[in-house]
Amino acid sequence: MKCNICFVDNSFDFSLKEEQVTESFAIAGALVDKMSSAFVQFSKSIDFDQHAAEVITSGIYDEVGHLFSALYDGKMSSIFTLTIDSIEATNIANTPPSELDSRLLGLYGSEGRVLTGNEGRSIYGESCLVSYSSKILSENARDHREYAQAFKDVYTNLIFLTNSDEDDLLFNRINKIQGGFSNFIIGITTCLEFLNSYTIIPDDSLKNIDYINAGLEVPVTPEGTGKNSRKRDELKRDFYIDKVKYENINCEYHCKLGYVDGGLTNGKAKPNRIYFGFLVPDKSGPKIAIAHIGDHL
């Protein structure tokens, strides 16, 4: 199961000032551009375009052409049109399990507009879309390859270890998790969601680890005493961003997934890990780089 985020007739607040409506179009287009993937799909109801056109040309705005350009010149023009109207789309989103064409349907609402009473189905930005997607991942089983691809699709602020073409998901050792990866999915998605939203403090890895550790229920630490017995650079990895290679990123930091989801936290912990590091691309701020999800290295 994946997700479909639908634009309906009341997704945008057309009572706002023209510049505010323009900005809301830009925000929606940026979300579509950033989050569209095999896992996250965007659509619009069959009456969306007609409704938008009627409102834009109703005489309440001065720059009609500018508004049309703001709505359709970006990624909003690429989303596909459903065969159902806004009322039917809303009814589906309001009725669990909210499934349409093997995807769970959510509704986009600008400025935090709540369009559905079904918890989590109103999507107004990246954070709630990532949370919505995380919930889908935790509640709908799939094989370890599908999970790995979905993680890369959903947690777009993270850099995942791949080859230069980004089609070989080298971080994926999920099937090596002791106790079965299906029993640790909530733990994995919770960690990845937090890391995806975390704002990195530049040039202070240990302070970042302290804050990440405080924000998660699982322990997050640098390499311990075992570091002395490792080969030099054993936990360093090379990452690619848009085919640019970033070499020797220290990925000794790790989330410890010792206990199954919802299980007791006493007894001997399983040696399951999410290894990561901090990468500084040439053209943007620092990123968290995921080197490994699986067994202890």
Foldseek 3Di string as FASTA:
>chain_A
DAAEEEEALQQEDLVDDPVVSLVLLQQVLVCCVQQDDPRYAYEYEPCNVVSVLCSLPVPPDDCSVSSVCSNCVGNNVVHYYDDHHRVVLQVLQQDPPSDDPNHRYAYHHEPPDDSYPPPLRYDHHLLSQLVSRLVVPLVDDDDQVVVLVSLCSNLVLEFFADPLVRPRRQQRPLCQAPPHNNQCSNVVSVLSSCQSPDDDDPPDVVVVLVVSCVVDPFGKDFADPCVVVDDPLPQFDWTYDNSDIDGGFRFRIWTARFDTVPDDPDDGGAQWIFTWGWDQDPPDGIGIYTYHGHGHD
